[in-house]
Amino acid sequence: MAYKVQYMWHPTHKVSDLVACEKFFRDVFNLESTPVEANLPPKEECPTYPRDYSILTMIREVMFDCVDPKKYIVEGRQSLEDVKAPGHLFCFGLAVDGADEIYRVCIENGIRSTDQANRLGSLKKPPTTGFKNATLFFTLPESAGLRYQIYPCSATGPPDPRAEPGWTLPPVSESDPLCLEFCSHHTILSASPIKAFNFLIGILKGRIIHQSRNELLETDSTYISLGDGVYEIAVPTRAGSFAAEDLKFNAPFDTYHALTWKVRDLAKVRRHLEDKTIPLLMQDEHMVVTDPKYTIGVPWGFTDRKVPGDLRLSP
């Protein structure tokens, strides 16, 4: 069976305060968040699965998942380590066709995975979720560089609008203070990107569309088109830089670092962030990056340029 990555299911962002995150998205993005319970089957179908550990925020084509590790209790144990306030990006999930086949190919290539309780998966059969009978597994960073989550498209559903047949990205909303068009790219920091390339390109069939120096981040970067997204694999080049320091978060493995948005009007974004008293960590003529200490632990990027080679059209 052929397999294919269709879209990013969701980033997972570990946080210490879900209420503060909900307020942040309302104040800065003008977006409402949804409790994870809305995405789960009725309690009687999964009585032991936690229901208050997360909020989901649909930001254009990205469903952003904020998780409080202290509330993520699976089979009686906290399965995610705590995070210092305000939080940090942790991993992301990919919605795919052929999840079982991807699991088999991972095994054949020496990539092992776990279930939601961090138990090592079988060599013969992939793990399933704790809330429905669907394949769900997380790669070990020891073999893939990062914890990547694989989930079948067929198992996704409300409140994620992308589960609706024929869903397309809506036009930029006039009420959006950040005038977001789409997610330009996700940034993964790596000291040695061989494992990331092996997984994203060798196994998942992503395609390199651009390679360049990222002057703002001080990295040598490779941009990979995969599913509906673009992934920047960034190797820090200066000790002590912000990227080099953030790489330590998940050392000795890769670190999920940031999301950058393609925007219609960067000047409007600058004004809005200034109005909200959000400091910038770095900026140039075509991009601004927020200071994560003031933006729930994420260095959000906003740019008026697409990554070279990105063939996605602005809405």
Protein backbone atom coordinates (compact mmCIF):
# COMPACT_ATOMS: atom_id res chain seq x y z
CA MET A 1 0.00 0.00 0.00
CA ALA A 2 1.27 3.48 -0.85
CA TYR A 3 1.45 5.90 2.05
CA LYS A 4 1.41 9.68 2.07
CA VAL A 5 1.61 12.61 4.48
CA GLN A 6 -1.47 14.77 3.87
CA TYR A 7 -1.03 17.58 6.40
CA MET A 8 0.35 18.53 9.78
CA TRP A 9 -2.20 17.24 12.27
CA HIS A 10 -1.03 19.56 15.04
CA PRO A 11 2.01 20.99 16.80
CA THR A 12 2.25 20.04 20.47
CA HIS A 13 3.29 22.92 22.71
CA LYS A 14 3.99 22.09 26.36
CA VAL A 15 2.76 24.84 28.70
CA SER A 16 2.32 25.52 32.38
CA ASP A 17 -0.89 27.58 32.16
CA LEU A 18 -3.68 26.71 29.72
CA VAL A 19 -5.79 29.69 30.78
CA ALA A 20 -2.94 32.08 29.94
CA CYS A 21 -2.57 30.44 26.52
CA GLU A 22 -6.27 30.80 25.79
CA LYS A 23 -6.06 34.49 26.72
CA PHE A 24 -2.97 34.96 24.54
CA PHE A 25 -4.66 33.59 21.43
CA ARG A 26 -7.75 35.68 22.08
CA ASP A 27 -5.78 38.90 22.68
CA VAL A 28 -3.03 38.57 20.07
CA PHE A 29 -4.45 36.35 17.31
CA ASN A 30 -8.13 37.25 17.86
CA LEU A 31 -8.90 33.53 17.98
CA GLU A 32 -10.92 31.37 20.34
CA SER A 33 -9.60 28.04 21.57
CA THR A 34 -11.47 24.77 22.07
CA PRO A 35 -11.02 22.31 24.96
CA VAL A 36 -9.53 19.01 23.78
CA GLU A 37 -12.62 17.23 25.09
CA ALA A 38 -14.46 18.43 21.97
CA ASN A 39 -12.09 16.26 19.93
CA LEU A 40 -12.61 13.12 22.04
CA PRO A 41 -15.27 10.40 21.98
CA PRO A 42 -17.88 10.37 24.80
CA LYS A 43 -16.41 9.69 28.22
CA GLU A 44 -18.11 6.31 28.48
CA GLU A 45 -16.10 5.14 25.44
CA CYS A 46 -12.74 6.08 27.00
CA PRO A 47 -13.43 6.50 30.74
CA THR A 48 -9.79 6.63 31.88
CA TYR A 49 -8.46 8.99 29.21
CA PRO A 50 -7.75 12.57 30.40
CA ARG A 51 -10.12 15.26 29.10
CA ASP A 52 -8.83 18.60 30.41
CA TYR A 53 -5.13 18.54 29.52
CA SER A 54 -5.19 20.62 26.34
CA ILE A 55 -6.71 23.43 24.30
CA LEU A 56 -6.83 23.47 20.49
CA THR A 57 -6.57 26.67 18.47
CA MET A 58 -7.14 26.64 14.71
CA ILE A 59 -4.66 29.13 13.21
CA ARG A 60 -5.30 29.13 9.46
CA GLU A 61 -4.37 25.56 8.35
CA VAL A 62 -2.58 24.70 11.62
CA MET A 63 -4.41 23.24 14.62
CA PHE A 64 -2.19 24.36 17.51
CA ASP A 65 -2.30 22.10 20.56
CA CYS A 66 -1.30 23.49 23.98
CA VAL A 67 -0.76 20.69 26.51
CA ASP A 68 -0.29 20.92 30.27
CA PRO A 69 1.93 17.91 31.12
CA LYS A 70 0.65 17.83 34.71
CA LYS A 71 -2.84 17.09 33.40
CA TYR A 72 -1.79 14.58 30.75
CA ILE A 73 -2.18 11.45 32.86
CA VAL A 74 -2.25 8.28 30.76
CA GLU A 75 -2.95 4.98 32.50
CA GLY A 76 -2.31 6.57 35.88
CA ARG A 77 1.05 8.17 35.00
CA GLN A 78 2.15 11.58 33.75
CA SER A 79 3.65 10.71 30.37
CA LEU A 80 5.15 14.11 29.46
CA GLU A 81 7.85 15.86 31.46
CA ASP A 82 7.02 19.21 33.06
CA VAL A 83 8.08 22.39 31.28
CA LYS A 84 9.28 25.68 32.70
CA ALA A 85 6.92 28.64 32.32
CA PRO A 86 5.72 29.88 29.94
CA GLY A 87 6.33 26.76 27.83
CA HIS A 88 8.13 25.35 24.79
CA LEU A 89 7.28 23.65 21.51
CA PHE A 90 7.70 19.92 21.94
CA CYS A 91 6.77 17.89 18.85
CA PHE A 92 4.23 17.70 16.05
CA GLY A 93 1.84 15.20 14.55
CA LEU A 94 1.34 14.37 10.89
CA ALA A 95 -1.99 13.21 9.44
CA VAL A 96 -1.28 10.47 6.92
CA ASP A 97 -2.71 7.86 4.63
CA GLY A 98 -1.16 4.46 5.33
CA ALA A 99 -0.10 4.91 8.97
CA ASP A 100 0.45 1.18 9.45
CA GLU A 101 2.69 1.05 6.39
CA ILE A 102 4.74 4.00 7.67
CA TYR A 103 5.18 2.14 10.96
CA ARG A 104 6.43 -0.94 9.09
CA VAL A 105 8.89 1.11 7.02
CA CYS A 106 10.13 2.83 10.18
CA ILE A 107 10.82 -0.56 11.78
CA GLU A 108 12.66 -1.72 8.65
CA ASN A 109 14.85 1.38 8.84
CA GLY A 110 15.65 1.11 12.54
CA ILE A 111 13.24 3.80 13.74
CA ARG A 112 11.40 2.71 16.88
CA SER A 113 8.31 4.34 18.32
CA THR A 114 6.19 4.46 21.46
CA ASP A 115 2.53 4.70 22.38
CA GLN A 116 0.91 7.48 24.44
CA ALA A 117 2.11 5.88 27.67
CA ASN A 118 5.71 5.86 26.36
CA ARG A 119 5.77 2.08 25.96
CA LEU A 120 8.00 0.84 23.15
CA GLY A 121 5.93 -0.34 20.20
CA SER A 122 5.91 -3.91 18.94
CA LEU A 123 8.09 -4.91 16.00
CA LYS A 124 5.01 -6.31 14.27
CA LYS A 125 2.05 -4.05 15.08
CA PRO A 126 1.76 -0.27 15.64
CA PRO A 127 0.35 1.20 18.85
CA THR A 128 -3.21 2.56 18.97
CA THR A 129 -4.72 5.57 20.71
CA GLY A 130 -6.13 5.54 24.21
CA PHE A 131 -9.39 7.10 23.03
CA LYS A 132 -10.34 5.18 19.86
CA ASN A 133 -9.24 2.17 17.81
CA ALA A 134 -6.82 4.02 15.54
CA THR A 135 -3.09 3.76 14.93
CA LEU A 136 -1.06 6.40 16.77
CA PHE A 137 2.66 6.31 17.39
CA PHE A 138 5.52 8.62 18.35
CA THR A 139 9.02 8.16 16.96
CA LEU A 140 11.87 7.97 19.43
CA PRO A 141 14.20 10.98 19.04
CA GLU A 142 17.12 8.58 19.45
CA SER A 143 16.29 7.17 16.01
CA ALA A 144 14.41 10.02 14.25
CA GLY A 145 15.99 13.09 15.86
CA LEU A 146 12.65 14.34 17.21
CA ARG A 147 9.40 12.95 18.57
CA TYR A 148 7.18 12.84 15.46
CA GLN A 149 3.56 11.76 15.85
CA ILE A 150 1.84 9.73 13.11
CA TYR A 151 -1.97 9.51 12.93
CA PRO A 152 -4.38 8.39 10.17
CA CYS A 153 -6.31 11.10 8.29
CA SER A 154 -9.33 8.79 8.47
CA ALA A 155 -9.35 9.07 12.28
CA THR A 156 -9.35 12.88 12.43
CA GLY A 157 -12.57 14.79 12.96
CA PRO A 158 -14.27 17.81 14.58
CA PRO A 159 -13.37 20.39 15.75
CA ASP A 160 -10.66 20.14 13.06
CA PRO A 161 -12.31 21.58 9.92
CA ARG A 162 -9.75 19.89 7.66
CA ALA A 163 -11.58 16.61 8.26
CA GLU A 164 -14.45 17.92 6.12
CA PRO A 165 -14.28 16.70 2.49
CA GLY A 166 -13.26 19.49 0.15
CA TRP A 167 -12.00 21.83 2.88
CA THR A 168 -9.84 24.65 1.57
CA LEU A 169 -8.02 27.49 3.29
CA PRO A 170 -10.44 30.42 3.61
CA PRO A 171 -9.54 33.97 2.52
CA VAL A 172 -7.63 36.17 4.95
CA SER A 173 -10.08 37.47 7.52
CA GLU A 174 -10.54 41.23 7.75
CA SER A 175 -10.83 40.77 11.52
CA ASP A 176 -7.39 39.14 11.73
CA PRO A 177 -5.02 41.69 13.32
CA LEU A 178 -2.04 39.67 12.03
CA CYS A 179 -3.44 39.25 8.48
CA LEU A 180 -2.20 35.64 8.35
CA GLU A 181 -2.21 33.93 4.95
CA PHE A 182 -0.75 30.53 5.84
CA CYS A 183 2.06 28.93 7.83
CA SER A 184 5.26 29.70 5.94
CA HIS A 185 7.31 27.04 7.74
CA HIS A 186 8.06 25.18 10.94
CA THR A 187 11.63 25.37 12.25
CA ILE A 188 13.47 22.38 13.69
CA LEU A 189 16.91 23.01 15.16
CA SER A 190 19.53 20.30 14.76
CA ALA A 191 23.23 19.89 15.45
CA SER A 192 23.36 17.01 12.96
CA PRO A 193 20.34 16.76 10.64
CA ILE A 194 21.01 13.29 9.24
CA LYS A 195 18.21 11.69 11.27
CA ALA A 196 15.74 14.45 10.38
CA PHE A 197 16.57 14.08 6.69
CA ASN A 198 16.30 10.30 6.90
CA PHE A 199 12.81 10.50 8.41
CA LEU A 200 11.29 13.51 6.63
CA ILE A 201 12.86 12.85 3.22
CA GLY A 202 13.95 9.21 3.13
CA ILE A 203 10.89 7.70 4.79
CA LEU A 204 8.09 10.28 4.48
CA LYS A 205 9.15 11.37 0.96
CA GLY A 206 9.53 15.08 1.68
CA ARG A 207 11.31 17.16 -0.95
CA ILE A 208 14.09 19.73 -0.49
CA ILE A 209 12.92 23.01 -2.05
CA HIS A 210 15.58 25.45 -0.81
CA GLN A 211 18.88 25.66 1.06
CA SER A 212 20.36 28.90 2.37
CA ARG A 213 21.86 30.81 5.24
CA ASN A 214 19.22 32.11 7.68
CA GLU A 215 20.88 35.35 8.71
CA LEU A 216 18.35 36.25 11.41
CA LEU A 217 18.46 32.88 13.13
CA GLU A 218 22.18 32.38 12.41
CA THR A 219 21.71 28.92 10.94
CA ASP A 220 22.43 26.98 7.79
CA SER A 221 18.94 25.93 6.75
CA THR A 222 17.35 23.32 4.52
CA TYR A 223 13.66 23.70 3.65
CA ILE A 224 11.60 20.56 3.03
CA SER A 225 8.15 20.45 1.45
CA LEU A 226 6.05 17.69 3.04
CA GLY A 227 2.27 17.32 2.88
CA ASP A 228 0.71 20.77 3.19
CA GLY A 229 3.69 22.32 4.97
CA VAL A 230 7.31 23.41 4.77
CA TYR A 231 9.88 22.40 7.40
CA GLU A 232 13.11 24.29 8.00
CA ILE A 233 15.89 22.09 9.35
CA ALA A 234 18.25 24.68 10.83
CA VAL A 235 21.80 24.03 12.01
CA PRO A 236 23.07 26.79 14.36
CA THR A 237 26.42 28.23 13.26
CA ARG A 238 27.38 30.45 16.20
CA ALA A 239 27.78 29.31 19.79
CA GLY A 240 25.70 31.46 22.11
CA SER A 241 23.17 32.50 19.46
CA PHE A 242 19.48 32.25 20.29
CA ALA A 243 19.19 29.18 18.06
CA ALA A 244 22.24 27.51 19.59
CA GLU A 245 20.88 28.10 23.08
CA ASP A 246 17.40 26.84 22.21
CA LEU A 247 18.85 23.68 20.68
CA LYS A 248 19.86 22.75 24.23
CA PHE A 249 16.17 22.40 25.20
CA ASN A 250 15.99 18.91 23.74
CA ALA A 251 19.70 18.06 23.66
CA PRO A 252 21.21 15.81 22.46
CA PHE A 253 18.27 15.56 20.04
CA ASP A 254 16.63 18.04 17.67
CA THR A 255 14.43 20.86 18.99
CA TYR A 256 11.10 22.01 17.57
CA HIS A 257 11.80 25.72 17.68
CA ALA A 258 9.25 27.97 15.96
CA LEU A 259 6.42 28.61 13.52
CA THR A 260 6.64 31.38 10.93
CA TRP A 261 3.57 32.81 9.20
CA LYS A 262 3.26 34.31 5.75
CA VAL A 263 1.34 37.58 6.22
CA ARG A 264 -0.35 40.00 3.86
CA ASP A 265 0.84 43.19 5.58
CA LEU A 266 3.98 43.06 7.74
CA ALA A 267 3.66 46.72 8.76
CA LYS A 268 0.23 45.94 10.22
CA VAL A 269 1.74 43.04 12.15
CA ARG A 270 4.44 45.32 13.58
CA ARG A 271 1.82 47.84 14.71
CA HIS A 272 -0.35 45.18 16.29
CA LEU A 273 2.51 43.61 18.24
CA GLU A 274 3.59 47.05 19.42
CA ASP A 275 0.02 47.83 20.51
CA LYS A 276 0.03 44.60 22.52
CA THR A 277 3.43 45.55 24.05
CA ILE A 278 5.04 42.39 22.69
CA PRO A 279 8.82 42.81 22.29
CA LEU A 280 10.58 41.53 19.20
CA LEU A 281 13.47 39.11 19.56
CA MET A 282 14.83 39.78 16.06
CA GLN A 283 13.75 41.49 12.87
CA ASP A 284 14.75 42.65 9.41
CA GLU A 285 12.98 44.29 6.48
CA HIS A 286 10.89 41.22 5.68
CA MET A 287 10.46 39.37 8.97
CA VAL A 288 9.81 39.87 12.68
CA VAL A 289 10.15 37.30 15.47
CA THR A 290 8.53 37.71 18.88
CA ASP A 291 10.34 37.29 22.17
CA PRO A 292 9.03 33.92 23.42
CA LYS A 293 9.07 35.05 27.03
CA TYR A 294 6.08 37.24 26.16
CA THR A 295 4.33 34.93 23.68
CA ILE A 296 3.63 31.69 25.60
CA GLY A 297 7.12 30.35 24.96
CA VAL A 298 6.98 30.44 21.15
CA PRO A 299 9.18 32.71 19.00
CA TRP A 300 6.42 33.40 16.47
CA GLY A 301 7.76 34.54 13.11
CA PHE A 302 5.89 36.73 10.62
CA THR A 303 7.15 37.34 7.10
CA ASP A 304 5.93 38.95 3.89
CA ARG A 305 8.01 36.60 1.73
CA LYS A 306 7.53 32.95 0.85
CA VAL A 307 10.34 30.42 1.11
CA PRO A 308 11.96 30.14 -2.34
CA GLY A 309 10.61 27.04 -4.05
CA ASP A 310 7.36 27.06 -2.06
CA LEU A 311 4.70 26.61 -4.73
CA ARG A 312 1.72 27.15 -2.43
CA LEU A 313 -0.32 30.15 -3.52
CA SER A 314 -1.41 32.92 -1.20
CA PRO A 315 -5.22 32.82 -0.77
